[in-house]
Amino acid sequence: MSNPQSSITNPQSKDFLYLHLRDLPYFRALVRAVEAAFYQTLDLPAPVLDIGCGDGHFASLTFDRPVDVGLDPWAAPLREAARRRTYRLLLQADAAAAPFADSTFASAFSNSVLEHIPHIDAVLADVARVLQPGAPFYFCVPNERYLSELSISRLLGRGYTEWFRRISRVHHADGPEVWQARLERAGFSLEKWWHYFSPSAMRVLEWGHYFGLPSLVAKKLTGRWIIAPSKWNLWLTEAFVRRYASTQPVEDGVFTFYVARKS
């Protein structure tokens, strides 16, 4: 293990679900809270690269120290990330052509991002390039059950499934064997993986896209997803979703967390 002073280390006492519910629609808060908990036991030696950092919200709640570099192709989320002061450096760039020298970073992570990237092989190859030999790379993505477990597909069929894929912007909903092949082509070894987020939790997430429409209106009008981020306003939502916020691996989970290492 690395020296704690050169790693992002975290206490495990945070209530990640409530912290996310204060800021996000409940379906996003649910899955992000589960994922945030996973990082609490992972070694992330510095310098650390966050691939697809977005607005920085996830990292701001997950880590108690600033992340060294956040990379994202979009300017607007990076401006929001800058206001959070979660990163030492933010850069707008395609992760397939990161503006760093070979072997710059000692670790990297990408939280629910890689599934959205069409040119995934080029991205993985460049992540491997900028990582030091032996550096860990952590990421999570939906697997094939993300689409096969949709409740409304049982009524509306494949058309709804493809529509949900499009609104979710999911280009890759694949199993571990597919990701292992991609990682090995890029120069990684896959050390372990686990499925999480049960099919029932997935259906809560699915319906959240529709029940969360008022939050979208609030975001458009006020710039905030949740107008009243207080216990009295969120207690019923919290009571409902907490039963689905399990961090335990499940064999039929619809998301998969991966631990890879630069060869």
C-alpha atoms as a PDB file:
ATOM      1  CA  MET A   1       0.000   0.000   0.000  1.00  0.00           C
ATOM      2  CA  SER A   2       1.155   3.557  -0.657  1.00  0.00           C
ATOM      3  CA  ASN A   3       2.014   6.105   1.982  1.00  0.00           C
ATOM      4  CA  PRO A   4      -1.313   7.623   3.136  1.00  0.00           C
ATOM      5  CA  GLN A   5       0.098  11.097   2.487  1.00  0.00           C
ATOM      6  CA  SER A   6       0.486  10.320  -1.217  1.00  0.00           C
ATOM      7  CA  SER A   7      -2.915   8.699  -1.662  1.00  0.00           C
ATOM      8  CA  ILE A   8      -6.518   9.774  -1.570  1.00  0.00           C
ATOM      9  CA  THR A   9      -7.847   8.086   1.536  1.00  0.00           C
ATOM     10  CA  ASN A  10     -11.313   8.423   2.969  1.00  0.00           C
ATOM     11  CA  PRO A  11     -13.300   7.828   6.138  1.00  0.00           C
ATOM     12  CA  GLN A  12     -16.144   5.355   5.780  1.00  0.00           C
ATOM     13  CA  SER A  13     -18.570   7.211   8.049  1.00  0.00           C
ATOM     14  CA  LYS A  14     -20.222   9.432   5.433  1.00  0.00           C
ATOM     15  CA  ASP A  15     -23.869   8.927   4.586  1.00  0.00           C
ATOM     16  CA  PHE A  16     -23.323   9.034   0.836  1.00  0.00           C
ATOM     17  CA  LEU A  17     -26.970   8.483   0.028  1.00  0.00           C
ATOM     18  CA  TYR A  18     -28.203  11.554   1.886  1.00  0.00           C
ATOM     19  CA  LEU A  19     -25.312  13.666   0.619  1.00  0.00           C
ATOM     20  CA  HIS A  20     -26.236  12.833  -2.967  1.00  0.00           C
ATOM     21  CA  LEU A  21     -29.981  13.195  -2.399  1.00  0.00           C
ATOM     22  CA  ARG A  22     -29.443  16.800  -1.309  1.00  0.00           C
ATOM     23  CA  ASP A  23     -28.107  17.682  -4.750  1.00  0.00           C
ATOM     24  CA  LEU A  24     -29.394  15.203  -7.335  1.00  0.00           C
ATOM     25  CA  PRO A  25     -32.585  13.539  -8.581  1.00  0.00           C
ATOM     26  CA  TYR A  26     -33.099  10.436  -6.477  1.00  0.00           C
ATOM     27  CA  PHE A  27     -32.311   7.905  -9.220  1.00  0.00           C
ATOM     28  CA  ARG A  28     -28.900   9.435  -9.844  1.00  0.00           C
ATOM     29  CA  ALA A  29     -28.263   9.856  -6.124  1.00  0.00           C
ATOM     30  CA  LEU A  30     -29.034   6.186  -5.505  1.00  0.00           C
ATOM     31  CA  VAL A  31     -26.451   4.696  -7.835  1.00  0.00           C
ATOM     32  CA  ARG A  32     -23.787   7.361  -7.175  1.00  0.00           C
ATOM     33  CA  ALA A  33     -24.055   6.789  -3.433  1.00  0.00           C
ATOM     34  CA  VAL A  34     -23.380   3.079  -3.891  1.00  0.00           C
ATOM     35  CA  GLU A  35     -20.390   3.789  -6.147  1.00  0.00           C
ATOM     36  CA  ALA A  36     -18.939   6.407  -3.801  1.00  0.00           C
ATOM     37  CA  ALA A  37     -18.821   3.813  -1.030  1.00  0.00           C
ATOM     38  CA  PHE A  38     -16.684   1.465  -3.143  1.00  0.00           C
ATOM     39  CA  TYR A  39     -13.831   3.968  -3.395  1.00  0.00           C
ATOM     40  CA  GLN A  40     -13.444   4.155   0.366  1.00  0.00           C
ATOM     41  CA  THR A  41     -11.335   0.979   0.448  1.00  0.00           C
ATOM     42  CA  LEU A  42      -9.370   1.531  -2.764  1.00  0.00           C
ATOM     43  CA  ASP A  43      -5.791   2.766  -2.977  1.00  0.00           C
ATOM     44  CA  LEU A  44      -5.421   5.827  -5.219  1.00  0.00           C
ATOM     45  CA  PRO A  45      -1.779   6.921  -5.126  1.00  0.00           C
ATOM     46  CA  ALA A  46      -1.050  10.427  -6.380  1.00  0.00           C
ATOM     47  CA  PRO A  47      -0.962  11.871  -8.916  1.00  0.00           C
ATOM     48  CA  VAL A  48      -4.538  10.774  -9.703  1.00  0.00           C
ATOM     49  CA  LEU A  49      -6.390  11.234 -12.996  1.00  0.00           C
ATOM     50  CA  ASP A  50     -10.210  11.393 -13.161  1.00  0.00           C
ATOM     51  CA  ILE A  51     -11.356  10.518 -16.677  1.00  0.00           C
ATOM     52  CA  GLY A  52     -14.667  12.204 -17.434  1.00  0.00           C
ATOM     53  CA  CYS A  53     -14.836  14.295 -14.273  1.00  0.00           C
ATOM     54  CA  GLY A  54     -17.941  16.219 -15.409  1.00  0.00           C
ATOM     55  CA  ASP A  55     -19.122  18.837 -12.932  1.00  0.00           C
ATOM     56  CA  GLY A  56     -16.999  17.413 -10.118  1.00  0.00           C
ATOM     57  CA  HIS A  57     -19.969  16.611  -7.895  1.00  0.00           C
ATOM     58  CA  PHE A  58     -19.150  12.917  -7.497  1.00  0.00           C
ATOM     59  CA  ALA A  59     -15.504  13.496  -6.589  1.00  0.00           C
ATOM     60  CA  SER A  60     -16.399  16.342  -4.218  1.00  0.00           C
ATOM     61  CA  LEU A  61     -18.469  13.968  -2.072  1.00  0.00           C
ATOM     62  CA  THR A  62     -16.388  10.814  -2.522  1.00  0.00           C
ATOM     63  CA  PHE A  63     -12.905  12.077  -1.645  1.00  0.00           C
ATOM     64  CA  ASP A  64     -11.673  14.189   1.237  1.00  0.00           C
ATOM     65  CA  ARG A  65      -8.602  15.425  -0.614  1.00  0.00           C
ATOM     66  CA  PRO A  66      -8.433  17.195  -3.976  1.00  0.00           C
ATOM     67  CA  VAL A  67      -8.015  14.979  -7.031  1.00  0.00           C
ATOM     68  CA  ASP A  68      -4.899  15.956  -8.966  1.00  0.00           C
ATOM     69  CA  VAL A  69      -6.378  16.202 -12.475  1.00  0.00           C
ATOM     70  CA  GLY A  70      -9.897  16.129 -13.867  1.00  0.00           C
ATOM     71  CA  LEU A  71     -10.319  15.609 -17.595  1.00  0.00           C
ATOM     72  CA  ASP A  72     -13.526  16.170 -19.563  1.00  0.00           C
ATOM     73  CA  PRO A  73     -14.396  17.097 -23.173  1.00  0.00           C
ATOM     74  CA  TRP A  74     -17.147  19.583 -22.237  1.00  0.00           C
ATOM     75  CA  ALA A  75     -16.569  23.161 -21.077  1.00  0.00           C
ATOM     76  CA  ALA A  76     -19.785  23.811 -19.116  1.00  0.00           C
ATOM     77  CA  PRO A  77     -19.357  20.928 -16.603  1.00  0.00           C
ATOM     78  CA  LEU A  78     -15.719  21.916 -16.120  1.00  0.00           C
ATOM     79  CA  ARG A  79     -16.742  25.436 -15.152  1.00  0.00           C
ATOM     80  CA  GLU A  80     -19.018  23.954 -12.494  1.00  0.00           C
ATOM     81  CA  ALA A  81     -16.236  21.618 -11.343  1.00  0.00           C
ATOM     82  CA  ALA A  82     -13.931  24.624 -10.979  1.00  0.00           C
ATOM     83  CA  ARG A  83     -16.397  26.283  -8.614  1.00  0.00           C
ATOM     84  CA  ARG A  84     -16.322  23.191  -6.393  1.00  0.00           C
ATOM     85  CA  ARG A  85     -12.519  23.322  -6.075  1.00  0.00           C
ATOM     86  CA  THR A  86     -12.339  19.543  -6.069  1.00  0.00           C
ATOM     87  CA  TYR A  87      -9.412  19.286  -8.507  1.00  0.00           C
ATOM     88  CA  ARG A  88      -5.927  20.739  -8.494  1.00  0.00           C
ATOM     89  CA  LEU A  89      -6.104  20.989 -12.286  1.00  0.00           C
ATOM     90  CA  LEU A  90      -8.995  20.786 -14.765  1.00  0.00           C
ATOM     91  CA  LEU A  91      -8.481  20.276 -18.480  1.00  0.00           C
ATOM     92  CA  GLN A  92     -10.864  20.162 -21.421  1.00  0.00           C
ATOM     93  CA  ALA A  93      -9.679  17.342 -23.676  1.00  0.00           C
ATOM     94  CA  ASP A  94     -10.650  14.074 -25.309  1.00  0.00           C
ATOM     95  CA  ALA A  95      -9.419  11.203 -23.150  1.00  0.00           C
ATOM     96  CA  ALA A  96      -8.188   9.484 -26.312  1.00  0.00           C
ATOM     97  CA  ALA A  97      -5.585  12.249 -26.675  1.00  0.00           C
ATOM     98  CA  ALA A  98      -4.801  13.384 -23.140  1.00  0.00           C
ATOM     99  CA  PRO A  99      -2.226  16.222 -23.045  1.00  0.00           C
ATOM    100  CA  PHE A 100       0.184  14.408 -20.739  1.00  0.00           C
ATOM    101  CA  ALA A 101       3.490  12.671 -21.099  1.00  0.00           C
ATOM    102  CA  ASP A 102       3.768   8.899 -20.881  1.00  0.00           C
ATOM    103  CA  SER A 103       3.666   7.436 -17.343  1.00  0.00           C
ATOM    104  CA  THR A 104       2.494  10.672 -15.713  1.00  0.00           C
ATOM    105  CA  PHE A 105      -0.083   9.282 -13.271  1.00  0.00           C
ATOM    106  CA  ALA A 106       0.148   6.781 -10.427  1.00  0.00           C
ATOM    107  CA  SER A 107      -3.582   5.918 -10.551  1.00  0.00           C
ATOM    108  CA  ALA A 108      -6.774   6.723 -12.444  1.00  0.00           C
ATOM    109  CA  PHE A 109     -10.508   6.254 -12.154  1.00  0.00           C
ATOM    110  CA  SER A 110     -13.558   6.809 -14.321  1.00  0.00           C
ATOM    111  CA  ASN A 111     -16.957   6.663 -12.677  1.00  0.00           C
ATOM    112  CA  SER A 112     -19.872   5.714 -14.947  1.00  0.00           C
ATOM    113  CA  VAL A 113     -18.312   7.427 -17.962  1.00  0.00           C
ATOM    114  CA  LEU A 114     -16.746   4.840 -20.267  1.00  0.00           C
ATOM    115  CA  GLU A 115     -20.121   3.445 -21.360  1.00  0.00           C
ATOM    116  CA  HIS A 116     -20.869   6.805 -23.023  1.00  0.00           C
ATOM    117  CA  ILE A 117     -17.726   6.909 -25.191  1.00  0.00           C
ATOM    118  CA  PRO A 118     -18.035   5.483 -28.734  1.00  0.00           C
ATOM    119  CA  HIS A 119     -14.243   5.334 -29.320  1.00  0.00           C
ATOM    120  CA  ILE A 120     -13.612   3.370 -26.153  1.00  0.00           C
ATOM    121  CA  ASP A 121     -10.574   1.407 -27.383  1.00  0.00           C
ATOM    122  CA  ALA A 122      -8.685   4.609 -28.189  1.00  0.00           C
ATOM    123  CA  VAL A 123      -9.523   6.018 -24.754  1.00  0.00           C
ATOM    124  CA  LEU A 124      -8.350   2.906 -22.905  1.00  0.00           C
ATOM    125  CA  ALA A 125      -5.110   2.878 -24.887  1.00  0.00           C
ATOM    126  CA  ASP A 126      -4.357   6.485 -23.979  1.00  0.00           C
ATOM    127  CA  VAL A 127      -5.244   5.949 -20.317  1.00  0.00           C
ATOM    128  CA  ALA A 128      -2.719   3.117 -20.299  1.00  0.00           C
ATOM    129  CA  ARG A 129      -0.151   5.401 -21.934  1.00  0.00           C
ATOM    130  CA  VAL A 130      -0.365   8.118 -19.261  1.00  0.00           C
ATOM    131  CA  LEU A 131      -0.364   5.652 -16.335  1.00  0.00           C
ATOM    132  CA  GLN A 132       2.826   4.424 -14.711  1.00  0.00           C
ATOM    133  CA  PRO A 133       3.585   0.682 -14.909  1.00  0.00           C
ATOM    134  CA  GLY A 134       1.653  -1.098 -12.175  1.00  0.00           C
ATOM    135  CA  ALA A 135      -0.729   1.811 -11.625  1.00  0.00           C
ATOM    136  CA  PRO A 136      -4.328   0.891 -10.699  1.00  0.00           C
ATOM    137  CA  PHE A 137      -7.266   1.928 -12.865  1.00  0.00           C
ATOM    138  CA  TYR A 138     -10.773   1.760 -11.405  1.00  0.00           C
ATOM    139  CA  PHE A 139     -14.001   2.180 -13.322  1.00  0.00           C
ATOM    140  CA  CYS A 140     -17.652   1.181 -13.268  1.00  0.00           C
ATOM    141  CA  VAL A 141     -20.079   0.730 -16.139  1.00  0.00           C
ATOM    142  CA  PRO A 142     -23.478  -0.830 -16.816  1.00  0.00           C
ATOM    143  CA  ASN A 143     -23.505  -4.396 -18.067  1.00  0.00           C
ATOM    144  CA  GLU A 144     -25.966  -6.139 -20.399  1.00  0.00           C
ATOM    145  CA  ARG A 145     -28.616  -6.412 -17.659  1.00  0.00           C
ATOM    146  CA  TYR A 146     -28.884  -2.617 -17.572  1.00  0.00           C
ATOM    147  CA  LEU A 147     -31.074  -2.960 -20.664  1.00  0.00           C
ATOM    148  CA  SER A 148     -32.546  -6.440 -20.223  1.00  0.00           C
ATOM    149  CA  GLU A 149     -34.056  -5.662 -16.793  1.00  0.00           C
ATOM    150  CA  LEU A 150     -36.092  -2.609 -17.841  1.00  0.00           C
ATOM    151  CA  SER A 151     -39.670  -2.975 -16.618  1.00  0.00           C
ATOM    152  CA  ILE A 152     -41.382  -1.047 -19.412  1.00  0.00           C
ATOM    153  CA  SER A 153     -39.616  -3.124 -22.069  1.00  0.00           C
ATOM    154  CA  ARG A 154     -41.808  -6.011 -20.974  1.00  0.00           C
ATOM    155  CA  LEU A 155     -44.783  -4.021 -22.224  1.00  0.00           C
ATOM    156  CA  LEU A 156     -43.370  -2.023 -25.125  1.00  0.00           C
ATOM    157  CA  GLY A 157     -40.629  -4.324 -26.355  1.00  0.00           C
ATOM    158  CA  ARG A 158     -37.311  -3.640 -28.007  1.00  0.00           C
ATOM    159  CA  GLY A 159     -38.278  -0.184 -29.236  1.00  0.00           C
ATOM    160  CA  TYR A 160     -38.464   1.080 -25.669  1.00  0.00           C
ATOM    161  CA  THR A 161     -35.159  -0.614 -24.801  1.00  0.00           C
ATOM    162  CA  GLU A 162     -33.374   1.163 -27.641  1.00  0.00           C
ATOM    163  CA  TRP A 163     -35.020   4.449 -26.711  1.00  0.00           C
ATOM    164  CA  PHE A 164     -33.844   4.067 -23.109  1.00  0.00           C
ATOM    165  CA  ARG A 165     -30.346   3.300 -24.347  1.00  0.00           C
ATOM    166  CA  ARG A 166     -30.373   6.513 -26.355  1.00  0.00           C
ATOM    167  CA  ILE A 167     -31.621   8.760 -23.559  1.00  0.00           C
ATOM    168  CA  SER A 168     -29.058   7.154 -21.244  1.00  0.00           C
ATOM    169  CA  ARG A 169     -26.383   7.694 -23.933  1.00  0.00           C
ATOM    170  CA  VAL A 170     -25.098   4.147 -23.350  1.00  0.00           C
ATOM    171  CA  HIS A 171     -22.888   2.902 -26.172  1.00  0.00           C
ATOM    172  CA  HIS A 172     -21.465  -0.045 -24.215  1.00  0.00           C
ATOM    173  CA  ALA A 173     -23.530  -2.292 -21.950  1.00  0.00           C
ATOM    174  CA  ASP A 174     -21.213  -5.288 -21.872  1.00  0.00           C
ATOM    175  CA  GLY A 175     -20.117  -8.086 -19.572  1.00  0.00           C
ATOM    176  CA  PRO A 176     -16.707  -8.654 -17.948  1.00  0.00           C
ATOM    177  CA  GLU A 177     -15.399 -10.852 -20.770  1.00  0.00           C
ATOM    178  CA  VAL A 178     -15.823  -7.975 -23.243  1.00  0.00           C
ATOM    179  CA  TRP A 179     -14.180  -5.462 -20.927  1.00  0.00           C
ATOM    180  CA  GLN A 180     -11.341  -7.841 -20.145  1.00  0.00           C
ATOM    181  CA  ALA A 181     -10.548  -8.153 -23.849  1.00  0.00           C
ATOM    182  CA  ARG A 182     -10.624  -4.372 -24.258  1.00  0.00           C
ATOM    183  CA  LEU A 183      -8.382  -3.845 -21.254  1.00  0.00           C
ATOM    184  CA  GLU A 184      -5.831  -6.409 -22.376  1.00  0.00           C
ATOM    185  CA  ARG A 185      -5.660  -4.877 -25.854  1.00  0.00           C
ATOM    186  CA  ALA A 186      -4.943  -1.523 -24.242  1.00  0.00           C
ATOM    187  CA  GLY A 187      -2.178  -2.824 -21.971  1.00  0.00           C
ATOM    188  CA  PHE A 188      -4.034  -3.551 -18.722  1.00  0.00           C
ATOM    189  CA  SER A 189      -4.558  -6.677 -16.672  1.00  0.00           C
ATOM    190  CA  LEU A 190      -7.951  -7.157 -15.058  1.00  0.00           C
ATOM    191  CA  GLU A 191      -7.507  -8.004 -11.372  1.00  0.00           C
ATOM    192  CA  LYS A 192     -11.108  -8.286 -10.191  1.00  0.00           C
ATOM    193  CA  TRP A 193     -14.646  -7.151 -10.778  1.00  0.00           C
ATOM    194  CA  TRP A 194     -18.049  -7.398  -9.126  1.00  0.00           C
ATOM    195  CA  HIS A 195     -21.646  -6.817 -10.131  1.00  0.00           C
ATOM    196  CA  TYR A 196     -23.764  -4.471  -8.027  1.00  0.00           C
ATOM    197  CA  PHE A 197     -27.163  -2.732  -8.096  1.00  0.00           C
ATOM    198  CA  SER A 198     -29.933  -5.327  -8.202  1.00  0.00           C
ATOM    199  CA  PRO A 199     -32.580  -5.574 -10.951  1.00  0.00           C
ATOM    200  CA  SER A 200     -35.143  -4.146  -8.530  1.00  0.00           C
ATOM    201  CA  ALA A 201     -32.860  -1.166  -7.887  1.00  0.00           C
ATOM    202  CA  MET A 202     -32.515  -0.785 -11.648  1.00  0.00           C
ATOM    203  CA  ARG A 203     -36.270  -0.467 -11.991  1.00  0.00           C
ATOM    204  CA  VAL A 204     -36.264   2.234  -9.312  1.00  0.00           C
ATOM    205  CA  LEU A 205     -33.623   4.015 -11.378  1.00  0.00           C
ATOM    206  CA  GLU A 206     -35.623   3.510 -14.579  1.00  0.00           C
ATOM    207  CA  TRP A 207     -38.812   5.036 -13.177  1.00  0.00           C
ATOM    208  CA  GLY A 208     -36.777   7.811 -11.609  1.00  0.00           C
ATOM    209  CA  HIS A 209     -36.168   9.215 -15.076  1.00  0.00           C
ATOM    210  CA  TYR A 210     -39.892  10.023 -15.213  1.00  0.00           C
ATOM    211  CA  PHE A 211     -40.600  10.866 -11.575  1.00  0.00           C
ATOM    212  CA  GLY A 212     -37.554  13.117 -11.677  1.00  0.00           C
ATOM    213  CA  LEU A 213     -39.012  15.482 -14.278  1.00  0.00           C
ATOM    214  CA  PRO A 214     -39.865  18.128 -11.630  1.00  0.00           C
ATOM    215  CA  SER A 215     -36.173  18.159 -10.690  1.00  0.00           C
ATOM    216  CA  LEU A 216     -35.305  18.843 -14.326  1.00  0.00           C
ATOM    217  CA  VAL A 217     -37.682  21.813 -14.347  1.00  0.00           C
ATOM    218  CA  ALA A 218     -36.119  23.070 -11.104  1.00  0.00           C
ATOM    219  CA  LYS A 219     -32.638  22.767 -12.629  1.00  0.00           C
ATOM    220  CA  LYS A 220     -33.675  24.756 -15.694  1.00  0.00           C
ATOM    221  CA  LEU A 221     -35.282  27.493 -13.621  1.00  0.00           C
ATOM    222  CA  THR A 222     -32.977  27.747 -10.624  1.00  0.00           C
ATOM    223  CA  GLY A 223     -29.751  25.959 -11.520  1.00  0.00           C
ATOM    224  CA  ARG A 224     -30.394  23.432  -8.741  1.00  0.00           C
ATOM    225  CA  TRP A 225     -31.884  19.950  -8.970  1.00  0.00           C
ATOM    226  CA  ILE A 226     -33.280  20.095  -5.424  1.00  0.00           C
ATOM    227  CA  ILE A 227     -34.870  23.355  -4.327  1.00  0.00           C
ATOM    228  CA  ALA A 228     -35.162  22.453  -0.637  1.00  0.00           C
ATOM    229  CA  PRO A 229     -32.236  20.148   0.259  1.00  0.00           C
ATOM    230  CA  SER A 230     -33.339  19.482   3.820  1.00  0.00           C
ATOM    231  CA  LYS A 231     -34.297  16.449   5.874  1.00  0.00           C
ATOM    232  CA  TRP A 232     -37.950  17.465   6.114  1.00  0.00           C
ATOM    233  CA  ASN A 233     -38.217  17.662   2.324  1.00  0.00           C
ATOM    234  CA  LEU A 234     -36.213  14.526   1.542  1.00  0.00           C
ATOM    235  CA  TRP A 235     -37.173  12.115   4.333  1.00  0.00           C
ATOM    236  CA  LEU A 236     -39.833  10.231   2.368  1.00  0.00           C
ATOM    237  CA  THR A 237     -37.628   9.892  -0.714  1.00  0.00           C
ATOM    238  CA  GLU A 238     -34.717   8.792   1.441  1.00  0.00           C
ATOM    239  CA  ALA A 239     -36.823   6.210   3.264  1.00  0.00           C
ATOM    240  CA  PHE A 240     -37.946   4.724  -0.036  1.00  0.00           C
ATOM    241  CA  VAL A 241     -34.609   4.532  -1.875  1.00  0.00           C
ATOM    242  CA  ARG A 242     -32.383   3.558   1.051  1.00  0.00           C
ATOM    243  CA  ARG A 243     -33.550  -0.052   0.871  1.00  0.00           C
ATOM    244  CA  TYR A 244     -32.056  -0.227  -2.638  1.00  0.00           C
ATOM    245  CA  ALA A 245     -28.741   1.433  -1.781  1.00  0.00           C
ATOM    246  CA  SER A 246     -26.879  -1.784  -1.051  1.00  0.00           C
ATOM    247  CA  THR A 247     -23.140  -1.927  -1.614  1.00  0.00           C
ATOM    248  CA  GLN A 248     -23.123  -5.729  -1.490  1.00  0.00           C
ATOM    249  CA  PRO A 249     -22.129  -7.492  -4.724  1.00  0.00           C
ATOM    250  CA  VAL A 250     -25.045  -9.271  -6.379  1.00  0.00           C
ATOM    251  CA  GLU A 251     -24.727 -11.946  -9.035  1.00  0.00           C
ATOM    252  CA  ASP A 252     -27.378 -10.398 -11.255  1.00  0.00           C
ATOM    253  CA  GLY A 253     -26.386  -6.768 -10.648  1.00  0.00           C
ATOM    254  CA  VAL A 254     -26.870  -4.411 -13.586  1.00  0.00           C
ATOM    255  CA  PHE A 255     -23.621  -2.478 -13.069  1.00  0.00           C
ATOM    256  CA  THR A 256     -20.066  -3.792 -12.763  1.00  0.00           C
ATOM    257  CA  PHE A 257     -17.084  -2.316 -10.929  1.00  0.00           C
ATOM    258  CA  TYR A 258     -13.617  -3.120 -12.321  1.00  0.00           C
ATOM    259  CA  VAL A 259     -10.150  -3.076 -10.802  1.00  0.00           C
ATOM    260  CA  ALA A 260      -7.479  -3.108 -13.516  1.00  0.00           C
ATOM    261  CA  ARG A 261      -3.757  -2.436 -13.487  1.00  0.00           C
ATOM    262  CA  LYS A 262      -1.327  -1.094 -16.069  1.00  0.00           C
ATOM    263  CA  SER A 263       0.788  -4.009 -17.211  1.00  0.00           C
END
